Protein backbone atom coordinates (compact mmCIF):
# COMPACT_ATOMS: atom_id res chain seq x y z
CA UNK A 1 -12.06 -15.75 -5.25
CA UNK A 2 -11.90 -14.08 -1.82
CA UNK A 3 -14.48 -11.42 -1.75
CA UNK A 4 -17.27 -13.50 -2.48
CA UNK A 5 -17.55 -15.79 0.37
CA UNK A 6 -18.30 -15.65 3.66
CA UNK A 7 -15.37 -17.02 5.47
CA UNK A 8 -12.46 -18.78 5.44
CA UNK A 9 -11.02 -21.74 6.02
CA UNK A 10 -7.36 -22.57 7.23
CA UNK A 11 -6.21 -25.95 8.85
CA UNK A 12 -3.05 -27.50 10.24
CA UNK A 13 -2.52 -30.77 11.39
CA UNK A 14 -1.54 -31.52 14.69
CA UNK A 15 2.33 -31.24 14.55
CA UNK A 16 4.14 -28.57 18.04
CA UNK A 17 6.54 -27.51 14.74
CA UNK A 18 3.34 -26.13 13.23
CA UNK A 19 1.70 -25.02 16.18
CA UNK A 20 4.90 -21.93 16.56
CA UNK A 21 4.44 -20.81 12.92
CA UNK A 22 1.85 -18.77 11.23
CA UNK A 23 0.61 -20.48 7.96
CA UNK A 24 0.60 -17.04 5.55
CA UNK A 25 -2.90 -18.49 4.41
CA UNK A 26 -4.29 -16.76 7.92
CA UNK A 27 -2.21 -13.30 6.94
CA UNK A 28 -4.01 -13.33 3.65
CA UNK A 29 -6.83 -13.94 4.70
CA UNK A 30 -6.56 -11.91 7.49
CA UNK A 31 -5.21 -9.24 4.63
CA UNK A 32 -8.80 -9.09 2.32
CA UNK A 33 -10.93 -8.46 5.54
CA UNK A 34 -12.53 -11.20 5.92
CA UNK A 35 -13.95 -13.53 8.77
CA UNK A 36 -11.40 -16.81 8.79
CA UNK A 37 -13.31 -20.60 10.65
CA UNK A 38 -9.58 -21.89 11.91
CA UNK A 39 -8.47 -25.46 13.15
CA UNK A 40 -5.06 -25.24 14.64
CA UNK A 41 -2.87 -24.58 17.43
CA UNK A 42 -0.48 -21.68 18.66
CA UNK A 43 0.82 -18.39 17.22
CA UNK A 44 -1.61 -18.91 14.63
CA UNK A 45 -4.48 -19.68 16.56
CA UNK A 46 -3.16 -16.92 18.58
CA UNK A 47 -3.38 -14.32 16.16
CA UNK A 48 -7.14 -15.32 14.94
CA UNK A 49 -8.11 -14.79 18.72
CA UNK A 50 -6.04 -12.10 19.72
CA UNK A 51 -7.14 -9.98 16.92
CA UNK A 52 -10.66 -10.98 17.13
CA UNK A 53 -10.74 -11.99 13.40
CA UNK A 54 -13.40 -15.23 13.44
CA UNK A 55 -13.29 -18.22 15.58
CA UNK A 56 -10.66 -21.29 16.22
CA UNK A 57 -11.08 -24.64 17.20
CA UNK A 58 -7.87 -27.43 18.36
CA UNK A 59 -6.54 -28.79 15.37
CA UNK A 60 -7.70 -32.57 15.04
CA UNK A 61 -11.44 -31.75 16.76
CA UNK A 62 -13.84 -31.80 14.61
CA UNK A 63 -16.67 -31.63 16.60
CA UNK A 64 -15.69 -28.56 17.81
CA UNK A 65 -14.23 -27.01 14.13
CA UNK A 66 -18.62 -27.95 13.75
CA UNK A 67 -19.54 -25.60 16.31
CA UNK A 68 -17.59 -23.16 15.66
CA UNK A 69 -18.29 -22.78 12.30
CA UNK A 70 -21.96 -22.72 13.64
CA UNK A 71 -21.75 -19.87 16.07
CA UNK A 72 -19.78 -18.61 12.80
CA UNK A 73 -23.40 -18.97 11.24
CA UNK A 74 -25.44 -17.91 13.65
CA UNK A 75 -23.87 -14.11 14.27
CA UNK A 76 -25.57 -11.84 11.68
CA UNK A 77 -24.03 -10.17 9.09
CA UNK A 78 -22.99 -6.89 10.33
CA UNK A 79 -20.41 -8.71 13.39
CA UNK A 80 -18.43 -11.30 10.57
CA UNK A 81 -18.53 -8.20 9.17
CA UNK A 82 -16.89 -6.51 12.10
CA UNK A 83 -14.84 -9.38 12.09
CA UNK A 84 -12.91 -8.94 8.99
CA UNK A 85 -12.60 -5.47 9.31
CA UNK A 86 -10.45 -6.14 12.88
CA UNK A 87 -8.89 -8.99 10.69
CA UNK A 88 -7.98 -5.95 8.14
CA UNK A 89 -6.49 -4.11 11.28
CA UNK A 90 -4.32 -6.72 12.30
CA UNK A 91 -2.62 -7.17 9.17
CA UNK A 92 -2.01 -3.69 8.84
CA UNK A 93 -0.67 -3.15 12.47
CA UNK A 94 1.27 -5.85 12.41
CA UNK A 95 1.71 -8.30 9.28
CA UNK A 96 2.31 -5.06 6.07
CA UNK A 97 5.62 -4.84 5.22
CA UNK A 98 5.96 -1.03 5.94
CA UNK A 99 4.65 -1.62 9.46
CA UNK A 100 7.46 -4.86 10.07
CA UNK A 101 9.95 -2.68 8.54
CA UNK A 102 9.37 -0.19 10.79
CA UNK A 103 9.48 -2.40 13.75
CA UNK A 104 13.01 -4.40 12.12
CA UNK A 105 14.32 -1.07 12.25
CA UNK A 106 13.46 0.07 16.06
CA UNK A 107 14.59 -3.79 16.50
CA UNK A 108 18.14 -2.39 15.91
CA UNK A 109 18.38 0.65 16.39
CA UNK A 110 17.67 -0.45 20.50
CA UNK A 111 20.50 -3.19 19.42
CA UNK A 112 22.92 -1.34 18.57
CA UNK A 113 22.48 1.56 21.09
């Protein structure tokens, strides 16, 4: 289903605890290489912004979300494809199982001296 869409939407309600999380949807969306439209705060928004994989509006701000959707619509197809590629690259570098295991192994080495 993800293959036929132009962009993928992720939303969260405003909650300090949720702002500390990265929704699994964000990771899935990054992995499939499609631009992301986010309506969330905190870590999830940071990942979308940092990766360059899409656009983000603060949680519970429908006017800003609409503006971000329109801005994405007005970007040419090549730019949207580039967002998707950046998201996929970010996923592979930060969330792919092998990368996570390598990071965990390095942390264990650092702690054990």
